[in-house]
Amino acid sequence: GALLRLPGNVLLLPGAPQRAVAVLAALPQPFTLSAARQALD
């Protein structure tokens, strides 16, 4: 439970999904993949 593995062998911290939702919620809704990528840096 120390790492979160996503498809493509993408590794993040386990709390990354919750933090990402907080970032994405601040975007104008709805948002695109490109907007999400830029917001999440």
Full PDB file with SEQRES, HELIX, SHEET, SSBOND, CRYST1, ORIGX, SCALE, CONECT and MASTER records, all heavy atoms in Angstrom:
SEQRES   1 A   41  GLY ALA LEU LEU ARG LEU PRO GLY ASN VAL LEU LEU LEU          
SEQRES   2 A   41  PRO GLY ALA PRO GLN ARG ALA VAL ALA VAL LEU ALA ALA          
SEQRES   3 A   41  LEU PRO GLN PRO PHE THR LEU SER ALA ALA ARG GLN ALA          
SEQRES   4 A   41  LEU ASP                                                      
HELIX    1 AA1 ALA A   16  ALA A   25  1                                  10    
HELIX    2 AA2 LEU A   33  LEU A   40  1                                   8    
SHEET    1 AA1 2 LEU A   4  LEU A   6  0                                        
SHEET    2 AA1 2 VAL A  10  LEU A  12 -1                                        
CRYST1    1.000    1.000    1.000  90.00  90.00  90.00 P 1           1          
ORIGX1      1.000000  0.000000  0.000000        0.00000                         
ORIGX2      0.000000  1.000000  0.000000        0.00000                         
ORIGX3      0.000000  0.000000  1.000000        0.00000                         
SCALE1      1.000000  0.000000  0.000000        0.00000                         
SCALE2      0.000000  1.000000  0.000000        0.00000                         
SCALE3      0.000000  0.000000  1.000000        0.00000                         
ATOM      1  N   GLY A   1       0.804  -1.227   0.000  1.00  0.00           N  
ATOM      2  CA  GLY A   1       0.000   0.000   0.000  1.00  0.00           C  
ATOM      3  C   GLY A   1       0.829   1.266   0.000  1.00  0.00           C  
ATOM      4  O   GLY A   1       0.297   2.358   0.217  1.00  0.00           O  
ATOM      5  N   ALA A   2       2.149   1.120  -0.264  1.00  0.00           N  
ATOM      6  CA  ALA A   2       3.007   2.306  -0.280  1.00  0.00           C  
ATOM      7  C   ALA A   2       3.033   2.978  -1.646  1.00  0.00           C  
ATOM      8  O   ALA A   2       3.447   4.135  -1.768  1.00  0.00           O  
ATOM      9  CB  ALA A   2       4.433   1.922   0.135  1.00  0.00           C  
ATOM     10  N   LEU A   3       2.623   2.288  -2.684  1.00  0.00           N  
ATOM     11  CA  LEU A   3       2.575   2.833  -4.035  1.00  0.00           C  
ATOM     12  C   LEU A   3       1.246   2.465  -4.683  1.00  0.00           C  
ATOM     13  O   LEU A   3       0.627   1.454  -4.360  1.00  0.00           O  
ATOM     14  CB  LEU A   3       3.711   2.257  -4.901  1.00  0.00           C  
ATOM     15  CG  LEU A   3       5.143   2.763  -4.662  1.00  0.00           C  
ATOM     16  CD1 LEU A   3       6.097   2.064  -5.619  1.00  0.00           C  
ATOM     17  CD2 LEU A   3       5.219   4.282  -4.851  1.00  0.00           C  
ATOM     18  N   LEU A   4       0.824   3.334  -5.623  1.00  0.00           N  
ATOM     19  CA  LEU A   4      -0.341   3.067  -6.459  1.00  0.00           C  
ATOM     20  C   LEU A   4       0.168   2.830  -7.873  1.00  0.00           C  
ATOM     21  O   LEU A   4       0.864   3.682  -8.427  1.00  0.00           O  
ATOM     22  CB  LEU A   4      -1.304   4.255  -6.433  1.00  0.00           C  
ATOM     23  CG  LEU A   4      -2.466   4.194  -7.430  1.00  0.00           C  
ATOM     24  CD1 LEU A   4      -3.422   3.056  -7.079  1.00  0.00           C  
ATOM     25  CD2 LEU A   4      -3.202   5.531  -7.472  1.00  0.00           C  
ATOM     26  N   ARG A   5      -0.157   1.635  -8.435  1.00  0.00           N  
ATOM     27  CA  ARG A   5       0.288   1.342  -9.782  1.00  0.00           C  
ATOM     28  C   ARG A   5      -0.910   1.424 -10.729  1.00  0.00           C  
ATOM     29  O   ARG A   5      -1.906   0.722 -10.551  1.00  0.00           O  
ATOM     30  CB  ARG A   5       0.921  -0.036  -9.864  1.00  0.00           C  
ATOM     31  CG  ARG A   5       1.356  -0.402 -11.282  1.00  0.00           C  
ATOM     32  CD  ARG A   5       2.456  -1.441 -11.320  1.00  0.00           C  
ATOM     33  NE  ARG A   5       2.174  -2.580 -10.465  1.00  0.00           N  
ATOM     34  CZ  ARG A   5       3.082  -3.496 -10.140  1.00  0.00           C  
ATOM     35  NH1 ARG A   5       4.330  -3.348 -10.583  1.00  0.00           N  
ATOM     36  NH2 ARG A   5       2.772  -4.519  -9.384  1.00  0.00           N  
ATOM     37  N   LEU A   6      -0.764   2.263 -11.780  1.00  0.00           N  
ATOM     38  CA  LEU A   6      -1.784   2.415 -12.813  1.00  0.00           C  
ATOM     39  C   LEU A   6      -1.324   1.693 -14.074  1.00  0.00           C  
ATOM     40  O   LEU A   6      -0.149   1.355 -14.215  1.00  0.00           O  
ATOM     41  CB  LEU A   6      -2.010   3.904 -13.109  1.00  0.00           C  
ATOM     42  CG  LEU A   6      -2.510   4.772 -11.941  1.00  0.00           C  
ATOM     43  CD1 LEU A   6      -2.610   6.225 -12.370  1.00  0.00           C  
ATOM     44  CD2 LEU A   6      -3.841   4.262 -11.415  1.00  0.00           C  
ATOM     45  N   PRO A   7      -2.233   1.413 -14.989  1.00  0.00           N  
ATOM     46  CA  PRO A   7      -1.837   0.773 -16.251  1.00  0.00           C  
ATOM     47  C   PRO A   7      -0.701   1.529 -16.919  1.00  0.00           C  
ATOM     48  O   PRO A   7      -0.623   2.753 -16.860  1.00  0.00           O  
ATOM     49  CB  PRO A   7      -3.123   0.822 -17.086  1.00  0.00           C  
ATOM     50  CG  PRO A   7      -4.226   0.809 -16.070  1.00  0.00           C  
ATOM     51  CD  PRO A   7      -3.710   1.604 -14.914  1.00  0.00           C  
ATOM     52  N   GLY A   8       0.171   0.748 -17.600  1.00  0.00           N  
ATOM     53  CA  GLY A   8       1.331   1.354 -18.243  1.00  0.00           C  
ATOM     54  C   GLY A   8       2.482   1.502 -17.278  1.00  0.00           C  
ATOM     55  O   GLY A   8       3.428   2.256 -17.549  1.00  0.00           O  
ATOM     56  N   ASN A   9       2.398   0.823 -16.114  1.00  0.00           N  
ATOM     57  CA  ASN A   9       3.422   0.890 -15.069  1.00  0.00           C  
ATOM     58  C   ASN A   9       3.630   2.316 -14.578  1.00  0.00           C  
ATOM     59  O   ASN A   9       4.745   2.756 -14.288  1.00  0.00           O  
ATOM     60  CB  ASN A   9       4.742   0.303 -15.570  1.00  0.00           C  
ATOM     61  CG  ASN A   9       5.632  -0.164 -14.422  1.00  0.00           C  
ATOM     62  OD1 ASN A   9       5.140  -0.581 -13.366  1.00  0.00           O  
ATOM     63  ND2 ASN A   9       6.947  -0.070 -14.605  1.00  0.00           N  
ATOM     64  N   VAL A  10       2.515   3.054 -14.491  1.00  0.00           N  
ATOM     65  CA  VAL A  10       2.536   4.414 -13.940  1.00  0.00           C  
ATOM     66  C   VAL A  10       2.443   4.310 -12.428  1.00  0.00           C  
ATOM     67  O   VAL A  10       1.522   3.700 -11.885  1.00  0.00           O  
ATOM     68  CB  VAL A  10       1.370   5.244 -14.499  1.00  0.00           C  
ATOM     69  CG1 VAL A  10       1.267   6.582 -13.763  1.00  0.00           C  
ATOM     70  CG2 VAL A  10       1.568   5.456 -15.995  1.00  0.00           C  
ATOM     71  N   LEU A  11       3.410   4.917 -11.724  1.00  0.00           N  
ATOM     72  CA  LEU A  11       3.465   4.844 -10.269  1.00  0.00           C  
ATOM     73  C   LEU A  11       3.210   6.212  -9.662  1.00  0.00           C  
ATOM     74  O   LEU A  11       3.815   7.221 -10.060  1.00  0.00           O  
ATOM     75  CB  LEU A  11       4.832   4.337  -9.812  1.00  0.00           C  
ATOM     76  CG  LEU A  11       5.218   2.931 -10.297  1.00  0.00           C  
ATOM     77  CD1 LEU A  11       6.630   2.583  -9.827  1.00  0.00           C  
ATOM     78  CD2 LEU A  11       4.221   1.898  -9.782  1.00  0.00           C  
ATOM     79  N   LEU A  12       2.306   6.243  -8.671  1.00  0.00           N  
ATOM     80  CA  LEU A  12       1.999   7.453  -7.912  1.00  0.00           C  
ATOM     81  C   LEU A  12       1.860   7.084  -6.446  1.00  0.00           C  
ATOM     82  O   LEU A  12       1.842   5.898  -6.085  1.00  0.00           O  
ATOM     83  CB  LEU A  12       0.698   8.084  -8.415  1.00  0.00           C  
ATOM     84  CG  LEU A  12       0.666   8.586  -9.868  1.00  0.00           C  
ATOM     85  CD1 LEU A  12      -0.749   9.025 -10.228  1.00  0.00           C  
ATOM     86  CD2 LEU A  12       1.661   9.739 -10.069  1.00  0.00           C  
ATOM     87  N   LEU A  13       1.715   8.096  -5.631  1.00  0.00           N  
ATOM     88  CA  LEU A  13       1.431   7.848  -4.219  1.00  0.00           C  
ATOM     89  C   LEU A  13      -0.025   7.404  -4.061  1.00  0.00           C  
ATOM     90  O   LEU A  13      -0.899   7.797  -4.856  1.00  0.00           O  
ATOM     91  CB  LEU A  13       1.700   9.107  -3.403  1.00  0.00           C  
ATOM     92  CG  LEU A  13       3.167   9.473  -3.191  1.00  0.00           C  
ATOM     93  CD1 LEU A  13       3.271  10.814  -2.460  1.00  0.00           C  
ATOM     94  CD2 LEU A  13       3.901   8.391  -2.410  1.00  0.00           C  
ATOM     95  N   PRO A  14      -0.340   6.603  -3.049  1.00  0.00           N  
ATOM     96  CA  PRO A  14      -1.719   6.123  -2.872  1.00  0.00           C  
ATOM     97  C   PRO A  14      -2.748   7.239  -2.756  1.00  0.00           C  
ATOM     98  O   PRO A  14      -3.901   7.066  -3.145  1.00  0.00           O  
ATOM     99  CB  PRO A  14      -1.634   5.305  -1.584  1.00  0.00           C  
ATOM    100  CG  PRO A  14      -0.206   4.909  -1.462  1.00  0.00           C  
ATOM    101  CD  PRO A  14       0.587   6.038  -2.040  1.00  0.00           C  
ATOM    102  N   GLY A  15      -2.363   8.411  -2.246  1.00  0.00           N  
ATOM    103  CA  GLY A  15      -3.325   9.498  -2.085  1.00  0.00           C  
ATOM    104  C   GLY A  15      -3.489  10.363  -3.314  1.00  0.00           C  
ATOM    105  O   GLY A  15      -4.269  11.347  -3.297  1.00  0.00           O  
ATOM    106  N   ALA A  16      -2.803  10.026  -4.407  1.00  0.00           N  
ATOM    107  CA  ALA A  16      -2.848  10.857  -5.606  1.00  0.00           C  
ATOM    108  C   ALA A  16      -4.250  11.000  -6.188  1.00  0.00           C  
ATOM    109  O   ALA A  16      -4.642  12.109  -6.597  1.00  0.00           O  
ATOM    110  CB  ALA A  16      -1.881  10.306  -6.656  1.00  0.00           C  
ATOM    111  N   PRO A  17      -5.092   9.967  -6.269  1.00  0.00           N  
ATOM    112  CA  PRO A  17      -6.430  10.148  -6.844  1.00  0.00           C  
ATOM    113  C   PRO A  17      -7.263  11.173  -6.082  1.00  0.00           C  
ATOM    114  O   PRO A  17      -7.947  12.006  -6.694  1.00  0.00           O  
ATOM    115  CB  PRO A  17      -7.047   8.755  -6.758  1.00  0.00           C  
ATOM    116  CG  PRO A  17      -5.871   7.825  -6.796  1.00  0.00           C  
ATOM    117  CD  PRO A  17      -4.810   8.532  -6.015  1.00  0.00           C  
ATOM    118  N   GLN A  18      -7.209  11.155  -4.775  1.00  0.00           N  
ATOM    119  CA  GLN A  18      -8.004  12.101  -3.987  1.00  0.00           C  
ATOM    120  C   GLN A  18      -7.502  13.538  -4.212  1.00  0.00           C  
ATOM    121  O   GLN A  18      -8.307  14.476  -4.384  1.00  0.00           O  
ATOM    122  CB  GLN A  18      -7.918  11.734  -2.516  1.00  0.00           C  
ATOM    123  CG  GLN A  18      -8.746  12.637  -1.616  1.00  0.00           C  
ATOM    124  CD  GLN A  18      -8.696  12.171  -0.152  1.00  0.00           C  
ATOM    125  OE1 GLN A  18      -8.594  11.002   0.123  1.00  0.00           O  
ATOM    126  NE2 GLN A  18      -8.752  13.146   0.737  1.00  0.00           N  
ATOM    127  N   ARG A  19      -6.195  13.706  -4.247  1.00  0.00           N  
ATOM    128  CA  ARG A  19      -5.643  15.043  -4.496  1.00  0.00           C  
ATOM    129  C   ARG A  19      -5.991  15.527  -5.902  1.00  0.00           C  
ATOM    130  O   ARG A  19      -6.256  16.706  -6.130  1.00  0.00           O  
ATOM    131  CB  ARG A  19      -4.126  15.037  -4.311  1.00  0.00           C  
ATOM    132  CG  ARG A  19      -3.687  14.761  -2.872  1.00  0.00           C  
ATOM    133  CD  ARG A  19      -2.183  14.832  -2.717  1.00  0.00           C  
ATOM    134  NE  ARG A  19      -1.669  16.169  -2.999  1.00  0.00           N  
ATOM    135  CZ  ARG A  19      -0.369  16.495  -2.968  1.00  0.00           C  
ATOM    136  NH1 ARG A  19       0.536  15.556  -2.679  1.00  0.00           N  
ATOM    137  NH2 ARG A  19       0.028  17.729  -3.223  1.00  0.00           N  
ATOM    138  N   ALA A  20      -5.995  14.595  -6.861  1.00  0.00           N  
ATOM    139  CA  ALA A  20      -6.324  14.982  -8.240  1.00  0.00           C  
ATOM    140  C   ALA A  20      -7.757  15.474  -8.335  1.00  0.00           C  
ATOM    141  O   ALA A  20      -8.043  16.459  -9.055  1.00  0.00           O  
ATOM    142  CB  ALA A  20      -6.114  13.783  -9.169  1.00  0.00           C  
ATOM    143  N   VAL A  21      -8.688  14.836  -7.623  1.00  0.00           N  
ATOM    144  CA  VAL A  21     -10.090  15.272  -7.663  1.00  0.00           C  
ATOM    145  C   VAL A  21     -10.200  16.706  -7.152  1.00  0.00           C  
ATOM    146  O   VAL A  21     -10.951  17.533  -7.711  1.00  0.00           O  
ATOM    147  CB  VAL A  21     -10.974  14.310  -6.839  1.00  0.00           C  
ATOM    148  CG1 VAL A  21     -12.377  14.888  -6.670  1.00  0.00           C  
ATOM    149  CG2 VAL A  21     -11.033  12.949  -7.512  1.00  0.00           C  
ATOM    150  N   ALA A  22      -9.461  17.008  -6.104  1.00  0.00           N  
ATOM    151  CA  ALA A  22      -9.515  18.370  -5.558  1.00  0.00           C  
ATOM    152  C   ALA A  22      -9.024  19.390  -6.594  1.00  0.00           C  
ATOM    153  O   ALA A  22      -9.585  20.491  -6.728  1.00  0.00           O  
ATOM    154  CB  ALA A  22      -8.667  18.446  -4.289  1.00  0.00           C  
ATOM    155  N   VAL A  23      -7.968  19.025  -7.337  1.00  0.00           N  
ATOM    156  CA  VAL A  23      -7.453  19.934  -8.364  1.00  0.00           C  
ATOM    157  C   VAL A  23      -8.454  20.072  -9.503  1.00  0.00           C  
ATOM    158  O   VAL A  23      -8.734  21.185  -9.987  1.00  0.00           O  
ATOM    159  CB  VAL A  23      -6.095  19.424  -8.889  1.00  0.00           C  
ATOM    160  CG1 VAL A  23      -5.636  20.257 -10.093  1.00  0.00           C  
ATOM    161  CG2 VAL A  23      -5.048  19.455  -7.792  1.00  0.00           C  
ATOM    162  N   LEU A  24      -9.020  18.959  -9.936  1.00  0.00           N  
ATOM    163  CA  LEU A  24      -9.940  18.974 -11.073  1.00  0.00           C  
ATOM    164  C   LEU A  24     -11.249  19.678 -10.734  1.00  0.00           C  
ATOM    165  O   LEU A  24     -11.898  20.269 -11.612  1.00  0.00           O  
ATOM    166  CB  LEU A  24     -10.222  17.544 -11.550  1.00  0.00           C  
ATOM    167  CG  LEU A  24      -9.000  16.769 -12.069  1.00  0.00           C  
ATOM    168  CD1 LEU A  24      -9.383  15.325 -12.375  1.00  0.00           C  
ATOM    169  CD2 LEU A  24      -8.429  17.445 -13.312  1.00  0.00           C  
ATOM    170  N   ALA A  25     -11.642  19.634  -9.495  1.00  0.00           N  
ATOM    171  CA  ALA A  25     -12.895  20.300  -9.100  1.00  0.00           C  
ATOM    172  C   ALA A  25     -12.782  21.816  -9.241  1.00  0.00           C  
ATOM    173  O   ALA A  25     -13.809  22.513  -9.374  1.00  0.00           O  
ATOM    174  CB  ALA A  25     -13.245  19.923  -7.658  1.00  0.00           C  
ATOM    175  N   ALA A  26     -11.562  22.336  -9.201  1.00  0.00           N  
ATOM    176  CA  ALA A  26     -11.381  23.786  -9.332  1.00  0.00           C  
ATOM    177  C   ALA A  26     -11.441  24.251 -10.780  1.00  0.00           C  
ATOM    178  O   ALA A  26     -11.460  25.455 -11.040  1.00  0.00           O  
ATOM    179  CB  ALA A  26     -10.034  24.163  -8.706  1.00  0.00           C  
ATOM    180  N   LEU A  27     -11.442  23.315 -11.721  1.00  0.00           N  
ATOM    181  CA  LEU A  27     -11.533  23.676 -13.138  1.00  0.00           C  
ATOM    182  C   LEU A  27     -12.975  23.991 -13.508  1.00  0.00           C  
ATOM    183  O   LEU A  27     -13.918  23.471 -12.880  1.00  0.00           O  
ATOM    184  CB  LEU A  27     -11.026  22.514 -14.007  1.00  0.00           C  
ATOM    185  CG  LEU A  27      -9.530  22.164 -13.936  1.00  0.00           C  
ATOM    186  CD1 LEU A  27      -9.237  20.926 -14.772  1.00  0.00           C  
ATOM    187  CD2 LEU A  27      -8.699  23.349 -14.427  1.00  0.00           C  
ATOM    188  N   PRO A  28     -13.175  24.810 -14.580  1.00  0.00           N  
ATOM    189  CA  PRO A  28     -14.532  24.987 -15.113  1.00  0.00           C  
ATOM    190  C   PRO A  28     -15.072  23.620 -15.572  1.00  0.00           C  
ATOM    191  O   PRO A  28     -14.360  22.854 -16.244  1.00  0.00           O  
ATOM    192  CB  PRO A  28     -14.347  25.959 -16.279  1.00  0.00           C  
ATOM    193  CG  PRO A  28     -13.046  26.655 -16.005  1.00  0.00           C  
ATOM    194  CD  PRO A  28     -12.182  25.663 -15.295  1.00  0.00           C  
ATOM    195  N   GLN A  29     -16.258  23.330 -15.188  1.00  0.00           N  
ATOM    196  CA  GLN A  29     -16.866  22.036 -15.525  1.00  0.00           C  
ATOM    197  C   GLN A  29     -17.734  22.169 -16.776  1.00  0.00           C  
ATOM    198  O   GLN A  29     -18.460  23.164 -16.906  1.00  0.00           O  
ATOM    199  CB  GLN A  29     -17.705  21.539 -14.343  1.00  0.00           C  
ATOM    200  CG  GLN A  29     -16.964  21.439 -13.035  1.00  0.00           C  
ATOM    201  CD  GLN A  29     -15.869  20.376 -13.022  1.00  0.00           C  
ATOM    202  OE1 GLN A  29     -16.128  19.227 -13.347  1.00  0.00           O  
ATOM    203  NE2 GLN A  29     -14.661  20.796 -12.692  1.00  0.00           N  
ATOM    204  N   PRO A  30     -17.754  21.250 -17.708  1.00  0.00           N  
ATOM    205  CA  PRO A  30     -16.851  20.094 -17.779  1.00  0.00           C  
ATOM    206  C   PRO A  30     -15.465  20.508 -18.239  1.00  0.00           C  
ATOM    207  O   PRO A  30     -15.270  21.609 -18.743  1.00  0.00           O  
ATOM    208  CB  PRO A  30     -17.538  19.188 -18.795  1.00  0.00           C  
ATOM    209  CG  PRO A  30     -18.266  20.129 -19.693  1.00  0.00           C  
ATOM    210  CD  PRO A  30     -18.728  21.269 -18.823  1.00  0.00           C  
ATOM    211  N   PHE A  31     -14.496  19.559 -18.116  1.00  0.00           N  
ATOM    212  CA  PHE A  31     -13.112  19.867 -18.497  1.00  0.00           C  
ATOM    213  C   PHE A  31     -12.635  18.777 -19.456  1.00  0.00           C  
ATOM    214  O   PHE A  31     -13.153  17.660 -19.508  1.00  0.00           O  
ATOM    215  CB  PHE A  31     -12.207  19.953 -17.263  1.00  0.00           C  
ATOM    216  CG  PHE A  31     -12.231  18.682 -16.416  1.00  0.00           C  
ATOM    217  CD1 PHE A  31     -11.370  17.630 -16.695  1.00  0.00           C  
ATOM    218  CD2 PHE A  31     -13.124  18.571 -15.351  1.00  0.00           C  
ATOM    219  CE1 PHE A  31     -11.389  16.486 -15.924  1.00  0.00           C  
ATOM    220  CE2 PHE A  31     -13.139  17.431 -14.583  1.00  0.00           C  
ATOM    221  CZ  PHE A  31     -12.282  16.366 -14.862  1.00  0.00           C  
ATOM    222  N   THR A  32     -11.604  19.132 -20.202  1.00  0.00           N  
ATOM    223  CA  THR A  32     -11.057  18.211 -21.199  1.00  0.00           C  
ATOM    224  C   THR A  32      -9.830  17.513 -20.628  1.00  0.00           C  
ATOM    225  O   THR A  32      -9.289  17.900 -19.575  1.00  0.00           O  
ATOM    226  CB  THR A  32     -10.653  18.953 -22.466  1.00  0.00           C  
ATOM    227  OG1 THR A  32      -9.602  19.886 -22.126  1.00  0.00           O  
ATOM    228  CG2 THR A  32     -11.834  19.712 -23.054  1.00  0.00           C  
ATOM    229  N   LEU A  33      -9.375  16.495 -21.359  1.00  0.00           N  
ATOM    230  CA  LEU A  33      -8.158  15.790 -20.957  1.00  0.00           C  
ATOM    231  C   LEU A  33      -6.982  16.742 -20.932  1.00  0.00           C  
ATOM    232  O   LEU A  33      -6.146  16.698 -20.023  1.00  0.00           O  
ATOM    233  CB  LEU A  33      -7.895  14.634 -21.930  1.00  0.00           C  
ATOM    234  CG  LEU A  33      -6.540  13.934 -21.812  1.00  0.00           C  
ATOM    235  CD1 LEU A  33      -6.351  13.307 -20.436  1.00  0.00           C  
ATOM    236  CD2 LEU A  33      -6.372  12.874 -22.913  1.00  0.00           C  
ATOM    237  N   SER A  34      -6.918  17.641 -21.947  1.00  0.00           N  
ATOM    238  CA  SER A  34      -5.789  18.584 -22.005  1.00  0.00           C  
ATOM    239  C   SER A  34      -5.806  19.518 -20.811  1.00  0.00           C  
ATOM    240  O   SER A  34      -4.766  19.785 -20.203  1.00  0.00           O  
ATOM    241  CB  SER A  34      -5.852  19.387 -23.310  1.00  0.00           C  
ATOM    242  OG  SER A  34      -4.830  20.351 -23.350  1.00  0.00           O  
ATOM    243  N   ALA A  35      -7.006  20.008 -20.442  1.00  0.00           N  
ATOM    244  CA  ALA A  35      -7.099  20.900 -19.286  1.00  0.00           C  
ATOM    245  C   ALA A  35      -6.695  20.182 -18.020  1.00  0.00           C  
ATOM    246  O   ALA A  35      -6.017  20.742 -17.138  1.00  0.00           O  
ATOM    247  CB  ALA A  35      -8.528  21.442 -19.165  1.00  0.00           C  
ATOM    248  N   ALA A  36      -7.114  18.923 -17.898  1.00  0.00           N  
ATOM    249  CA  ALA A  36      -6.757  18.164 -16.709  1.00  0.00           C  
ATOM    250  C   ALA A  36      -5.261  17.935 -16.639  1.00  0.00           C  
ATOM    251  O   ALA A  36      -4.641  18.058 -15.580  1.00  0.00           O  
ATOM    252  CB  ALA A  36      -7.501  16.827 -16.720  1.00  0.00           C  
ATOM    253  N   ARG A  37      -4.655  17.619 -17.764  1.00  0.00           N  
ATOM    254  CA  ARG A  37      -3.217  17.379 -17.784  1.00  0.00           C  
ATOM    255  C   ARG A  37      -2.450  18.617 -17.346  1.00  0.00           C  
ATOM    256  O   ARG A  37      -1.494  18.508 -16.561  1.00  0.00           O  
ATOM    257  CB  ARG A  37      -2.807  16.963 -19.207  1.00  0.00           C  
ATOM    258  CG  ARG A  37      -1.323  16.665 -19.352  1.00  0.00           C  
ATOM    259  CD  ARG A  37      -0.966  16.373 -20.793  1.00  0.00           C  
ATOM    260  NE  ARG A  37      -1.224  17.530 -21.651  1.00  0.00           N  
ATOM    261  CZ  ARG A  37      -0.465  18.621 -21.703  1.00  0.00           C  
ATOM    262  NH1 ARG A  37       0.610  18.729 -20.924  1.00  0.00           N  
ATOM    263  NH2 ARG A  37      -0.759  19.611 -22.505  1.00  0.00           N  
ATOM    264  N   GLN A  38      -2.886  19.777 -17.854  1.00  0.00           N  
ATOM    265  CA  GLN A  38      -2.179  21.009 -17.484  1.00  0.00           C  
ATOM    266  C   GLN A  38      -2.403  21.348 -16.018  1.00  0.00           C  
ATOM    267  O   GLN A  38      -1.468  21.763 -15.323  1.00  0.00           O  
ATOM    268  CB  GLN A  38      -2.656  22.154 -18.372  1.00  0.00           C  
ATOM    269  CG  GLN A  38      -2.305  21.961 -19.848  1.00  0.00           C  
ATOM    270  CD  GLN A  38      -2.810  23.098 -20.705  1.00  0.00           C  
ATOM    271  OE1 GLN A  38      -2.776  24.266 -20.289  1.00  0.00           O  
ATOM    272  NE2 GLN A  38      -3.298  22.775 -21.902  1.00  0.00           N  
ATOM    273  N   ALA A  39      -3.619  21.148 -15.535  1.00  0.00           N  
ATOM    274  CA  ALA A  39      -3.893  21.484 -14.136  1.00  0.00           C  
ATOM    275  C   ALA A  39      -3.117  20.588 -13.191  1.00  0.00           C  
ATOM    276  O   ALA A  39      -2.671  21.009 -12.113  1.00  0.00           O  
ATOM    277  CB  ALA A  39      -5.400  21.355 -13.863  1.00  0.00           C  
ATOM    278  N   LEU A  40      -2.954  19.337 -13.597  1.00  0.00           N  
ATOM    279  CA  LEU A  40      -2.238  18.383 -12.733  1.00  0.00           C  
ATOM    280  C   LEU A  40      -0.728  18.459 -12.937  1.00  0.00           C  
ATOM    281  O   LEU A  40       0.017  17.784 -12.198  1.00  0.00           O  
ATOM    282  CB  LEU A  40      -2.722  16.951 -13.029  1.00  0.00           C  
ATOM    283  CG  LEU A  40      -4.212  16.661 -12.729  1.00  0.00           C  
ATOM    284  CD1 LEU A  40      -4.592  15.265 -13.213  1.00  0.00           C  
ATOM    285  CD2 LEU A  40      -4.496  16.810 -11.224  1.00  0.00           C  
ATOM    286  N   ASP A  41      -0.309  19.248 -13.922  1.00  0.00           N  
ATOM    287  CA  ASP A  41       1.120  19.402 -14.214  1.00  0.00           C  
ATOM    288  C   ASP A  41       1.762  18.036 -14.446  1.00  0.00           C  
ATOM    289  O   ASP A  41       2.730  17.652 -13.779  1.00  0.00           O  
ATOM    290  CB  ASP A  41       1.829  20.118 -13.060  1.00  0.00           C  
ATOM    291  CG  ASP A  41       3.265  20.496 -13.433  1.00  0.00           C  
ATOM    292  OD1 ASP A  41       3.564  20.517 -14.658  1.00  0.00           O  
ATOM    293  OD2 ASP A  41       4.078  20.703 -12.506  1.00  0.00           O  
TER     294      ASP A  41                                                      
MASTER        0    0    0    2    2    0    0    6  293    1    0    4          
END                                                                             
